[in-house]
Amino acid sequence: MSDGTPGRAPGRLGGVALVLGGALSVQFGSALAALLFPRTGVAGAVTLRLTLGALLMLVVCRPRLRGHGRGDWAAVVAFGLALAGMNSIFYQAIERIPLGPAVTLEVLGPLALSVVGARRVAAWCWAGLALAGVALLGQGGFDRLDPVGAALALAAGSMWAAYIVCSARVGARFPRADGLALALAVAALVTLPIGLVGAGGRLAHPAVLGLGAGLALLASVLPYSLELAALRRLPTATFAVLMSLGPAIAALAGWLVLGQALRPVEVLAIALVVAASVGAVRAAAPPPSTPGPPTPPVPPTVVSAAAAAPPARR
């Protein structure tokens, strides 16, 4: 008698492929953004990504504007501000330091959120391992990384944590990816004036628009869509573990696209932070059920906007 397990395995493998594809897309998109900086500046690159990404998402999702209360719109605005802040600060960071170390420092924000949510001794042990990785990352001196860039990456991490919290709230209030599309529109409106002042007419150059469209597709539309599809196939804990590979994928993208080679000690530091992120996610997961009255499941904290949304969002 079949229990359905064989049928679920291909779906889970497909979900893993979707998550890894989304992670590759967003990190290689960040590498593409670094190539845009000399043409548009950081503000111009952020504007292109968010504006073109918002237009694409609005066309695809066609969210309803009616039937939402003041609290719904407040959640969308907060989510949009978190998106704008996270992207703007992170792009300022990768202008100054390599992509791999930047994402390694940035992921400490979601990691801290996961540790606080877990409230277990094991989670704090994993946090200690992450701090050891960060200390190792600065072993050769954070001056090589540029202290300002490192600080900006940490600030982007705090915005990433806010982004996760806001995305969960928006996902509970809006169906499908409607809330995300509206939040991207808010983020685009916030960053557009800054980008126009900084880059001006350069944003309308055909080559720049082409790169910007590729950036919006790789860093926003494609990864969000792949993540949402993956969440239909994977438990959130598995999803979050896979998303914890972000720093390693970012280091690979920085090396392949931007020629940003890392020292062995930096590779080890990134590996420690990845391991700590995976461990913290597993520590945040609910314990195995034991015989007795059923209790409502508590999903673990995760490191992605798509993953943070509850099933209602899908």
C-alpha atoms as a PDB file:
ATOM      1  CA  MET A   1       0.000   0.000   0.000  1.00  0.00           C
ATOM      2  CA  SER A   2       1.437   3.366  -1.003  1.00  0.00           C
ATOM      3  CA  ASP A   3       1.692   6.178   1.545  1.00  0.00           C
ATOM      4  CA  GLY A   4       2.451   8.801  -1.046  1.00  0.00           C
ATOM      5  CA  THR A   5       6.075   9.229  -0.062  1.00  0.00           C
ATOM      6  CA  PRO A   6       7.529   8.330  -3.476  1.00  0.00           C
ATOM      7  CA  GLY A   7       5.293  10.921  -5.039  1.00  0.00           C
ATOM      8  CA  ARG A   8       6.489  13.594  -2.641  1.00  0.00           C
ATOM      9  CA  ALA A   9      10.196  12.987  -3.200  1.00  0.00           C
ATOM     10  CA  PRO A  10      10.316  14.387  -6.762  1.00  0.00           C
ATOM     11  CA  GLY A  11       8.350  17.400  -5.547  1.00  0.00           C
ATOM     12  CA  ARG A  12      10.869  18.040  -2.782  1.00  0.00           C
ATOM     13  CA  LEU A  13      13.784  17.653  -5.173  1.00  0.00           C
ATOM     14  CA  GLY A  14      12.082  20.132  -7.469  1.00  0.00           C
ATOM     15  CA  GLY A  15      11.588  22.478  -4.532  1.00  0.00           C
ATOM     16  CA  VAL A  16      15.287  22.277  -3.658  1.00  0.00           C
ATOM     17  CA  ALA A  17      16.155  23.105  -7.268  1.00  0.00           C
ATOM     18  CA  LEU A  18      13.784  26.100  -7.187  1.00  0.00           C
ATOM     19  CA  VAL A  19      15.319  27.473  -3.978  1.00  0.00           C
ATOM     20  CA  LEU A  20      18.876  27.067  -5.217  1.00  0.00           C
ATOM     21  CA  GLY A  21      17.885  28.621  -8.551  1.00  0.00           C
ATOM     22  CA  GLY A  22      16.388  31.597  -6.749  1.00  0.00           C
ATOM     23  CA  ALA A  23      19.472  32.002  -4.544  1.00  0.00           C
ATOM     24  CA  LEU A  24      21.777  31.847  -7.557  1.00  0.00           C
ATOM     25  CA  SER A  25      19.591  34.362  -9.346  1.00  0.00           C
ATOM     26  CA  VAL A  26      19.552  36.937  -6.553  1.00  0.00           C
ATOM     27  CA  GLN A  27      23.287  36.720  -5.822  1.00  0.00           C
ATOM     28  CA  PHE A  28      24.306  36.883  -9.469  1.00  0.00           C
ATOM     29  CA  GLY A  29      21.856  39.766  -9.756  1.00  0.00           C
ATOM     30  CA  SER A  30      23.796  41.546  -7.003  1.00  0.00           C
ATOM     31  CA  ALA A  31      26.989  40.959  -8.977  1.00  0.00           C
ATOM     32  CA  LEU A  32      25.289  42.503 -12.016  1.00  0.00           C
ATOM     33  CA  ALA A  33      24.323  45.499  -9.869  1.00  0.00           C
ATOM     34  CA  ALA A  34      28.007  46.043  -9.041  1.00  0.00           C
ATOM     35  CA  LEU A  35      28.692  46.246 -12.787  1.00  0.00           C
ATOM     36  CA  LEU A  36      26.029  48.970 -13.037  1.00  0.00           C
ATOM     37  CA  PHE A  37      27.538  51.174 -10.321  1.00  0.00           C
ATOM     38  CA  PRO A  38      30.108  52.899 -12.600  1.00  0.00           C
ATOM     39  CA  ARG A  39      27.316  53.868 -15.024  1.00  0.00           C
ATOM     40  CA  THR A  40      24.498  54.858 -12.675  1.00  0.00           C
ATOM     41  CA  GLY A  41      25.902  55.066  -9.174  1.00  0.00           C
ATOM     42  CA  VAL A  42      24.462  53.046  -6.320  1.00  0.00           C
ATOM     43  CA  ALA A  43      21.233  55.060  -6.112  1.00  0.00           C
ATOM     44  CA  GLY A  44      20.622  54.663  -9.833  1.00  0.00           C
ATOM     45  CA  ALA A  45      21.125  50.884  -9.677  1.00  0.00           C
ATOM     46  CA  VAL A  46      18.724  50.586  -6.744  1.00  0.00           C
ATOM     47  CA  THR A  47      16.161  52.689  -8.597  1.00  0.00           C
ATOM     48  CA  LEU A  48      16.398  50.564 -11.729  1.00  0.00           C
ATOM     49  CA  ARG A  49      16.064  47.314  -9.801  1.00  0.00           C
ATOM     50  CA  LEU A  50      13.090  48.381  -7.707  1.00  0.00           C
ATOM     51  CA  THR A  51      11.245  50.412 -10.357  1.00  0.00           C
ATOM     52  CA  LEU A  52      11.527  47.863 -13.158  1.00  0.00           C
ATOM     53  CA  GLY A  53      10.950  45.010 -10.699  1.00  0.00           C
ATOM     54  CA  ALA A  54       7.814  46.721  -9.382  1.00  0.00           C
ATOM     55  CA  LEU A  55       6.469  47.274 -12.906  1.00  0.00           C
ATOM     56  CA  LEU A  56       7.028  43.622 -13.795  1.00  0.00           C
ATOM     57  CA  MET A  57       5.429  42.375 -10.567  1.00  0.00           C
ATOM     58  CA  LEU A  58       2.432  44.696 -10.956  1.00  0.00           C
ATOM     59  CA  VAL A  59       1.850  43.477 -14.506  1.00  0.00           C
ATOM     60  CA  VAL A  60       2.143  39.820 -13.498  1.00  0.00           C
ATOM     61  CA  CYS A  61       0.188  39.979 -10.208  1.00  0.00           C
ATOM     62  CA  ARG A  62      -2.336  42.725 -11.029  1.00  0.00           C
ATOM     63  CA  PRO A  63      -3.130  43.218  -7.325  1.00  0.00           C
ATOM     64  CA  ARG A  64      -6.536  44.515  -6.264  1.00  0.00           C
ATOM     65  CA  LEU A  65      -6.422  48.001  -4.770  1.00  0.00           C
ATOM     66  CA  ARG A  66      -9.914  47.949  -3.270  1.00  0.00           C
ATOM     67  CA  GLY A  67     -11.144  46.139  -0.227  1.00  0.00           C
ATOM     68  CA  HIS A  68      -8.107  46.791   1.992  1.00  0.00           C
ATOM     69  CA  GLY A  69      -8.184  48.614   5.313  1.00  0.00           C
ATOM     70  CA  ARG A  70      -5.853  51.199   6.796  1.00  0.00           C
ATOM     71  CA  GLY A  71      -3.891  48.514   8.628  1.00  0.00           C
ATOM     72  CA  ASP A  72      -3.313  46.638   5.366  1.00  0.00           C
ATOM     73  CA  TRP A  73      -1.888  49.694   3.657  1.00  0.00           C
ATOM     74  CA  ALA A  74       0.234  50.556   6.699  1.00  0.00           C
ATOM     75  CA  ALA A  75       1.741  47.061   6.502  1.00  0.00           C
ATOM     76  CA  VAL A  76       2.448  47.504   2.772  1.00  0.00           C
ATOM     77  CA  VAL A  77       4.128  50.882   3.344  1.00  0.00           C
ATOM     78  CA  ALA A  78       6.287  49.456   6.154  1.00  0.00           C
ATOM     79  CA  PHE A  79       7.256  46.526   3.923  1.00  0.00           C
ATOM     80  CA  GLY A  80       8.091  48.892   1.062  1.00  0.00           C
ATOM     81  CA  LEU A  81      10.272  51.066   3.301  1.00  0.00           C
ATOM     82  CA  ALA A  82      12.091  47.964   4.540  1.00  0.00           C
ATOM     83  CA  LEU A  83      12.667  46.857   0.940  1.00  0.00           C
ATOM     84  CA  ALA A  84      13.969  50.289  -0.066  1.00  0.00           C
ATOM     85  CA  GLY A  85      16.261  50.534   2.957  1.00  0.00           C
ATOM     86  CA  MET A  86      17.594  46.985   2.663  1.00  0.00           C
ATOM     87  CA  ASN A  87      18.460  47.301  -1.022  1.00  0.00           C
ATOM     88  CA  SER A  88      19.894  50.817  -0.783  1.00  0.00           C
ATOM     89  CA  ILE A  89      22.132  50.057   2.191  1.00  0.00           C
ATOM     90  CA  PHE A  90      23.275  46.685   0.852  1.00  0.00           C
ATOM     91  CA  TYR A  91      24.230  48.138  -2.523  1.00  0.00           C
ATOM     92  CA  GLN A  92      26.205  50.843  -0.731  1.00  0.00           C
ATOM     93  CA  ALA A  93      28.005  48.024   1.086  1.00  0.00           C
ATOM     94  CA  ILE A  94      28.905  45.967  -2.005  1.00  0.00           C
ATOM     95  CA  GLU A  95      30.293  49.081  -3.647  1.00  0.00           C
ATOM     96  CA  ARG A  96      32.933  49.065  -0.884  1.00  0.00           C
ATOM     97  CA  ILE A  97      33.536  45.401   0.023  1.00  0.00           C
ATOM     98  CA  PRO A  98      33.400  42.080  -1.878  1.00  0.00           C
ATOM     99  CA  LEU A  99      30.011  40.445  -2.356  1.00  0.00           C
ATOM    100  CA  GLY A 100      30.752  37.277  -0.333  1.00  0.00           C
ATOM    101  CA  PRO A 101      31.814  39.017   2.894  1.00  0.00           C
ATOM    102  CA  ALA A 102      28.997  41.559   2.474  1.00  0.00           C
ATOM    103  CA  VAL A 103      26.310  38.866   2.383  1.00  0.00           C
ATOM    104  CA  THR A 104      28.061  37.037   5.241  1.00  0.00           C
ATOM    105  CA  LEU A 105      27.741  40.121   7.439  1.00  0.00           C
ATOM    106  CA  GLU A 106      24.235  40.887   6.192  1.00  0.00           C
ATOM    107  CA  VAL A 107      22.905  37.428   7.037  1.00  0.00           C
ATOM    108  CA  LEU A 108      23.645  38.092  10.723  1.00  0.00           C
ATOM    109  CA  GLY A 109      20.409  40.130  10.839  1.00  0.00           C
ATOM    110  CA  PRO A 110      18.103  37.213   9.947  1.00  0.00           C
ATOM    111  CA  LEU A 111      20.314  34.923  12.041  1.00  0.00           C
ATOM    112  CA  ALA A 112      19.783  37.124  15.097  1.00  0.00           C
ATOM    113  CA  LEU A 113      16.035  37.089  14.418  1.00  0.00           C
ATOM    114  CA  SER A 114      16.096  33.297  14.237  1.00  0.00           C
ATOM    115  CA  VAL A 115      18.062  33.004  17.492  1.00  0.00           C
ATOM    116  CA  VAL A 116      15.732  35.356  19.369  1.00  0.00           C
ATOM    117  CA  GLY A 117      12.713  33.485  18.043  1.00  0.00           C
ATOM    118  CA  ALA A 118      14.123  30.094  19.047  1.00  0.00           C
ATOM    119  CA  ARG A 119      14.892  30.952  22.702  1.00  0.00           C
ATOM    120  CA  ARG A 120      16.980  27.808  23.071  1.00  0.00           C
ATOM    121  CA  VAL A 121      20.506  27.297  24.326  1.00  0.00           C
ATOM    122  CA  ALA A 122      21.452  25.523  21.089  1.00  0.00           C
ATOM    123  CA  ALA A 123      20.443  28.594  19.089  1.00  0.00           C
ATOM    124  CA  TRP A 124      22.764  30.792  21.155  1.00  0.00           C
ATOM    125  CA  CYS A 125      25.591  28.312  20.563  1.00  0.00           C
ATOM    126  CA  TRP A 126      25.042  28.644  16.828  1.00  0.00           C
ATOM    127  CA  ALA A 127      25.048  32.425  17.215  1.00  0.00           C
ATOM    128  CA  GLY A 128      28.438  32.130  18.920  1.00  0.00           C
ATOM    129  CA  LEU A 129      29.732  30.152  15.946  1.00  0.00           C
ATOM    130  CA  ALA A 130      28.502  32.894  13.613  1.00  0.00           C
ATOM    131  CA  LEU A 131      30.309  35.529  15.670  1.00  0.00           C
ATOM    132  CA  ALA A 132      33.460  33.407  15.485  1.00  0.00           C
ATOM    133  CA  GLY A 133      33.078  33.416  11.704  1.00  0.00           C
ATOM    134  CA  VAL A 134      32.741  37.201  11.668  1.00  0.00           C
ATOM    135  CA  ALA A 135      35.788  37.561  13.896  1.00  0.00           C
ATOM    136  CA  LEU A 136      37.697  35.299  11.520  1.00  0.00           C
ATOM    137  CA  LEU A 137      36.479  37.377   8.574  1.00  0.00           C
ATOM    138  CA  GLY A 138      38.190  40.366  10.146  1.00  0.00           C
ATOM    139  CA  GLN A 139      41.319  38.416  11.058  1.00  0.00           C
ATOM    140  CA  GLY A 140      43.268  40.097   8.305  1.00  0.00           C
ATOM    141  CA  GLY A 141      41.871  43.433   9.396  1.00  0.00           C
ATOM    142  CA  PHE A 142      38.472  44.875   8.538  1.00  0.00           C
ATOM    143  CA  ASP A 143      40.389  47.717   6.922  1.00  0.00           C
ATOM    144  CA  ARG A 144      40.841  45.384   3.927  1.00  0.00           C
ATOM    145  CA  LEU A 145      37.081  45.137   3.770  1.00  0.00           C
ATOM    146  CA  ASP A 146      36.608  48.861   4.487  1.00  0.00           C
ATOM    147  CA  PRO A 147      35.046  49.485   7.918  1.00  0.00           C
ATOM    148  CA  VAL A 148      32.286  51.636   6.405  1.00  0.00           C
ATOM    149  CA  GLY A 149      31.338  48.868   3.982  1.00  0.00           C
ATOM    150  CA  ALA A 150      31.294  46.292   6.784  1.00  0.00           C
ATOM    151  CA  ALA A 151      29.098  48.566   8.926  1.00  0.00           C
ATOM    152  CA  LEU A 152      26.729  49.108   6.006  1.00  0.00           C
ATOM    153  CA  ALA A 153      26.456  45.344   5.467  1.00  0.00           C
ATOM    154  CA  LEU A 154      25.528  44.883   9.137  1.00  0.00           C
ATOM    155  CA  ALA A 155      22.971  47.703   8.846  1.00  0.00           C
ATOM    156  CA  ALA A 156      21.536  45.999   5.758  1.00  0.00           C
ATOM    157  CA  GLY A 157      21.209  42.854   7.878  1.00  0.00           C
ATOM    158  CA  SER A 158      19.057  44.694  10.397  1.00  0.00           C
ATOM    159  CA  MET A 159      16.881  45.914   7.535  1.00  0.00           C
ATOM    160  CA  TRP A 160      16.691  42.330   6.254  1.00  0.00           C
ATOM    161  CA  ALA A 161      15.324  41.240   9.635  1.00  0.00           C
ATOM    162  CA  ALA A 162      12.725  44.030   9.463  1.00  0.00           C
ATOM    163  CA  TYR A 163      11.914  42.945   5.925  1.00  0.00           C
ATOM    164  CA  ILE A 164      11.193  39.391   7.125  1.00  0.00           C
ATOM    165  CA  VAL A 165       8.852  40.592   9.864  1.00  0.00           C
ATOM    166  CA  CYS A 166       7.057  42.993   7.517  1.00  0.00           C
ATOM    167  CA  SER A 167       6.708  40.402   4.775  1.00  0.00           C
ATOM    168  CA  ALA A 168       5.028  37.995   7.191  1.00  0.00           C
ATOM    169  CA  ARG A 169       2.497  40.656   8.144  1.00  0.00           C
ATOM    170  CA  VAL A 170       1.800  41.583   4.530  1.00  0.00           C
ATOM    171  CA  GLY A 171       1.564  37.935   3.527  1.00  0.00           C
ATOM    172  CA  ALA A 172      -1.125  37.401   6.147  1.00  0.00           C
ATOM    173  CA  ARG A 173      -3.190  40.306   4.828  1.00  0.00           C
ATOM    174  CA  PHE A 174      -2.885  39.934   1.033  1.00  0.00           C
ATOM    175  CA  PRO A 175      -3.443  36.921  -1.232  1.00  0.00           C
ATOM    176  CA  ARG A 176      -0.737  35.411  -3.449  1.00  0.00           C
ATOM    177  CA  ALA A 177       2.117  37.889  -4.093  1.00  0.00           C
ATOM    178  CA  ASP A 178      -0.166  40.951  -4.220  1.00  0.00           C
ATOM    179  CA  GLY A 179       1.320  42.500  -1.094  1.00  0.00           C
ATOM    180  CA  LEU A 180       4.852  42.031  -2.395  1.00  0.00           C
ATOM    181  CA  ALA A 181       3.977  43.719  -5.699  1.00  0.00           C
ATOM    182  CA  LEU A 182       2.440  46.692  -3.885  1.00  0.00           C
ATOM    183  CA  ALA A 183       5.379  46.930  -1.466  1.00  0.00           C
ATOM    184  CA  LEU A 184       7.817  46.943  -4.385  1.00  0.00           C
ATOM    185  CA  ALA A 185       5.824  49.831  -5.864  1.00  0.00           C
ATOM    186  CA  VAL A 186       6.177  51.737  -2.580  1.00  0.00           C
ATOM    187  CA  ALA A 187       9.931  51.034  -2.525  1.00  0.00           C
ATOM    188  CA  ALA A 188      10.239  52.208  -6.125  1.00  0.00           C
ATOM    189  CA  LEU A 189       8.429  55.472  -5.343  1.00  0.00           C
ATOM    190  CA  VAL A 190      10.734  56.084  -2.370  1.00  0.00           C
ATOM    191  CA  THR A 191      13.970  55.469  -4.284  1.00  0.00           C
ATOM    192  CA  LEU A 192      13.026  56.924  -7.686  1.00  0.00           C
ATOM    193  CA  PRO A 193      13.624  60.626  -6.809  1.00  0.00           C
ATOM    194  CA  ILE A 194      17.022  59.786  -5.278  1.00  0.00           C
ATOM    195  CA  GLY A 195      18.025  57.765  -8.318  1.00  0.00           C
ATOM    196  CA  LEU A 196      16.924  60.484 -10.731  1.00  0.00           C
ATOM    197  CA  VAL A 197      18.917  63.107  -8.845  1.00  0.00           C
ATOM    198  CA  GLY A 198      21.998  60.891  -8.726  1.00  0.00           C
ATOM    199  CA  ALA A 199      21.958  59.422 -12.224  1.00  0.00           C
ATOM    200  CA  GLY A 200      19.624  61.666 -14.202  1.00  0.00           C
ATOM    201  CA  GLY A 201      19.399  60.948 -17.922  1.00  0.00           C
ATOM    202  CA  ARG A 202      21.886  58.072 -17.679  1.00  0.00           C
ATOM    203  CA  LEU A 203      19.040  55.874 -16.461  1.00  0.00           C
ATOM    204  CA  ALA A 204      17.363  56.226 -19.883  1.00  0.00           C
ATOM    205  CA  HIS A 205      20.401  54.993 -21.853  1.00  0.00           C
ATOM    206  CA  PRO A 206      19.424  51.785 -23.722  1.00  0.00           C
ATOM    207  CA  ALA A 207      22.409  49.815 -22.398  1.00  0.00           C
ATOM    208  CA  VAL A 208      21.691  50.918 -18.833  1.00  0.00           C
ATOM    209  CA  LEU A 209      17.995  50.082 -19.193  1.00  0.00           C
ATOM    210  CA  GLY A 210      18.937  46.647 -20.508  1.00  0.00           C
ATOM    211  CA  LEU A 211      21.216  45.979 -17.563  1.00  0.00           C
ATOM    212  CA  GLY A 212      18.572  47.364 -15.218  1.00  0.00           C
ATOM    213  CA  ALA A 213      15.928  45.053 -16.656  1.00  0.00           C
ATOM    214  CA  GLY A 214      18.282  42.111 -16.198  1.00  0.00           C
ATOM    215  CA  LEU A 215      18.949  43.226 -12.621  1.00  0.00           C
ATOM    216  CA  ALA A 216      15.224  43.534 -11.835  1.00  0.00           C
ATOM    217  CA  LEU A 217      14.556  40.110 -13.320  1.00  0.00           C
ATOM    218  CA  LEU A 218      17.493  38.359 -11.629  1.00  0.00           C
ATOM    219  CA  ALA A 219      17.363  40.081  -8.242  1.00  0.00           C
ATOM    220  CA  SER A 220      13.614  40.559  -7.734  1.00  0.00           C
ATOM    221  CA  VAL A 221      11.063  38.947 -10.027  1.00  0.00           C
ATOM    222  CA  LEU A 222      12.720  35.583 -10.717  1.00  0.00           C
ATOM    223  CA  PRO A 223      13.918  34.748  -7.168  1.00  0.00           C
ATOM    224  CA  TYR A 224      10.640  35.812  -5.541  1.00  0.00           C
ATOM    225  CA  SER A 225       8.664  33.714  -8.028  1.00  0.00           C
ATOM    226  CA  LEU A 226      10.930  30.687  -7.575  1.00  0.00           C
ATOM    227  CA  GLU A 227      10.762  30.973  -3.783  1.00  0.00           C
ATOM    228  CA  LEU A 228       6.990  31.133  -3.781  1.00  0.00           C
ATOM    229  CA  ALA A 229       6.833  28.052  -6.017  1.00  0.00           C
ATOM    230  CA  ALA A 230       9.357  26.243  -3.797  1.00  0.00           C
ATOM    231  CA  LEU A 231       7.288  26.881  -0.683  1.00  0.00           C
ATOM    232  CA  ARG A 232       4.488  24.818  -2.205  1.00  0.00           C
ATOM    233  CA  ARG A 233       6.830  21.818  -2.220  1.00  0.00           C
ATOM    234  CA  LEU A 234       9.091  22.239   0.828  1.00  0.00           C
ATOM    235  CA  PRO A 235       8.648  22.652   4.585  1.00  0.00           C
ATOM    236  CA  THR A 236       9.667  26.125   5.711  1.00  0.00           C
ATOM    237  CA  ALA A 237      12.519  24.700   7.816  1.00  0.00           C
ATOM    238  CA  THR A 238      14.058  22.995   4.765  1.00  0.00           C
ATOM    239  CA  PHE A 239      13.559  26.170   2.768  1.00  0.00           C
ATOM    240  CA  ALA A 240      15.328  28.272   5.384  1.00  0.00           C
ATOM    241  CA  VAL A 241      18.288  25.880   5.595  1.00  0.00           C
ATOM    242  CA  LEU A 242      18.769  26.161   1.836  1.00  0.00           C
ATOM    243  CA  MET A 243      18.504  29.966   1.970  1.00  0.00           C
ATOM    244  CA  SER A 244      21.290  29.942   4.560  1.00  0.00           C
ATOM    245  CA  LEU A 245      23.685  29.081   1.729  1.00  0.00           C
ATOM    246  CA  GLY A 246      23.401  32.695   0.548  1.00  0.00           C
ATOM    247  CA  PRO A 247      26.884  33.840   1.655  1.00  0.00           C
ATOM    248  CA  ALA A 248      28.576  30.934  -0.105  1.00  0.00           C
ATOM    249  CA  ILE A 249      26.608  31.535  -3.313  1.00  0.00           C
ATOM    250  CA  ALA A 250      27.411  35.252  -3.092  1.00  0.00           C
ATOM    251  CA  ALA A 251      31.122  34.488  -2.767  1.00  0.00           C
ATOM    252  CA  LEU A 252      30.879  32.297  -5.880  1.00  0.00           C
ATOM    253  CA  ALA A 253      29.054  35.040  -7.809  1.00  0.00           C
ATOM    254  CA  GLY A 254      31.605  37.652  -6.730  1.00  0.00           C
ATOM    255  CA  TRP A 255      34.449  35.433  -7.893  1.00  0.00           C
ATOM    256  CA  LEU A 256      32.921  34.438 -11.246  1.00  0.00           C
ATOM    257  CA  VAL A 257      31.378  37.777 -12.273  1.00  0.00           C
ATOM    258  CA  LEU A 258      33.504  40.393 -10.500  1.00  0.00           C
ATOM    259  CA  GLY A 259      36.813  38.553 -10.053  1.00  0.00           C
ATOM    260  CA  GLN A 260      36.645  38.987  -6.266  1.00  0.00           C
ATOM    261  CA  ALA A 261      39.004  36.296  -4.991  1.00  0.00           C
ATOM    262  CA  LEU A 262      38.869  35.482  -1.285  1.00  0.00           C
ATOM    263  CA  ARG A 263      41.619  34.460   1.102  1.00  0.00           C
ATOM    264  CA  PRO A 264      41.402  30.975   2.621  1.00  0.00           C
ATOM    265  CA  VAL A 265      40.650  32.484   6.030  1.00  0.00           C
ATOM    266  CA  GLU A 266      37.713  34.393   4.524  1.00  0.00           C
ATOM    267  CA  VAL A 267      36.394  31.233   2.874  1.00  0.00           C
ATOM    268  CA  LEU A 268      36.541  29.493   6.269  1.00  0.00           C
ATOM    269  CA  ALA A 269      34.756  32.435   7.905  1.00  0.00           C
ATOM    270  CA  ILE A 270      31.943  32.283   5.343  1.00  0.00           C
ATOM    271  CA  ALA A 271      31.663  28.517   5.876  1.00  0.00           C
ATOM    272  CA  LEU A 272      31.308  29.061   9.659  1.00  0.00           C
ATOM    273  CA  VAL A 273      28.524  31.606   9.187  1.00  0.00           C
ATOM    274  CA  VAL A 274      26.711  29.313   6.730  1.00  0.00           C
ATOM    275  CA  ALA A 275      26.982  26.424   9.206  1.00  0.00           C
ATOM    276  CA  ALA A 276      25.734  28.662  12.022  1.00  0.00           C
ATOM    277  CA  SER A 277      22.775  29.806   9.923  1.00  0.00           C
ATOM    278  CA  VAL A 278      21.813  26.219   9.107  1.00  0.00           C
ATOM    279  CA  GLY A 279      22.160  25.210  12.755  1.00  0.00           C
ATOM    280  CA  ALA A 280      20.133  28.178  13.989  1.00  0.00           C
ATOM    281  CA  VAL A 281      17.324  27.393  11.569  1.00  0.00           C
ATOM    282  CA  ARG A 282      17.230  23.783  12.754  1.00  0.00           C
ATOM    283  CA  ALA A 283      17.296  24.949  16.390  1.00  0.00           C
ATOM    284  CA  ALA A 284      14.347  27.233  15.686  1.00  0.00           C
ATOM    285  CA  ALA A 285      12.285  24.381  14.253  1.00  0.00           C
ATOM    286  CA  PRO A 286       9.646  22.877  16.543  1.00  0.00           C
ATOM    287  CA  PRO A 287      10.647  19.632  18.299  1.00  0.00           C
ATOM    288  CA  PRO A 288       9.320  16.313  16.981  1.00  0.00           C
ATOM    289  CA  SER A 289       5.783  15.645  18.070  1.00  0.00           C
ATOM    290  CA  THR A 290       5.166  13.203  20.904  1.00  0.00           C
ATOM    291  CA  PRO A 291       1.997  11.212  21.610  1.00  0.00           C
ATOM    292  CA  GLY A 292      -0.646  13.345  23.219  1.00  0.00           C
ATOM    293  CA  PRO A 293      -3.046  16.156  22.387  1.00  0.00           C
ATOM    294  CA  PRO A 294      -2.089  17.899  19.133  1.00  0.00           C
ATOM    295  CA  THR A 295      -0.601  21.373  19.389  1.00  0.00           C
ATOM    296  CA  PRO A 296      -0.537  24.025  16.669  1.00  0.00           C
ATOM    297  CA  PRO A 297       2.737  24.009  14.717  1.00  0.00           C
ATOM    298  CA  VAL A 298       5.059  26.993  15.116  1.00  0.00           C
ATOM    299  CA  PRO A 299       6.967  27.744  11.917  1.00  0.00           C
ATOM    300  CA  PRO A 300      10.638  28.624  12.304  1.00  0.00           C
ATOM    301  CA  THR A 301      11.993  32.034  11.513  1.00  0.00           C
ATOM    302  CA  VAL A 302      13.331  32.095   7.994  1.00  0.00           C
ATOM    303  CA  VAL A 303      15.587  34.301   5.945  1.00  0.00           C
ATOM    304  CA  SER A 304      13.456  35.189   2.969  1.00  0.00           C
ATOM    305  CA  ALA A 305      10.484  37.383   2.310  1.00  0.00           C
ATOM    306  CA  ALA A 306       8.692  34.608   0.507  1.00  0.00           C
ATOM    307  CA  ALA A 307       9.356  32.088   3.247  1.00  0.00           C
ATOM    308  CA  ALA A 308       8.228  34.427   5.977  1.00  0.00           C
ATOM    309  CA  ALA A 309       4.738  34.636   4.542  1.00  0.00           C
ATOM    310  CA  PRO A 310       2.183  32.185   5.900  1.00  0.00           C
ATOM    311  CA  PRO A 311       0.278  29.782   3.647  1.00  0.00           C
ATOM    312  CA  ALA A 312      -2.508  32.367   3.162  1.00  0.00           C
ATOM    313  CA  ARG A 313      -0.147  34.321   0.964  1.00  0.00           C
ATOM    314  CA  ARG A 314      -0.002  31.496  -1.562  1.00  0.00           C
END
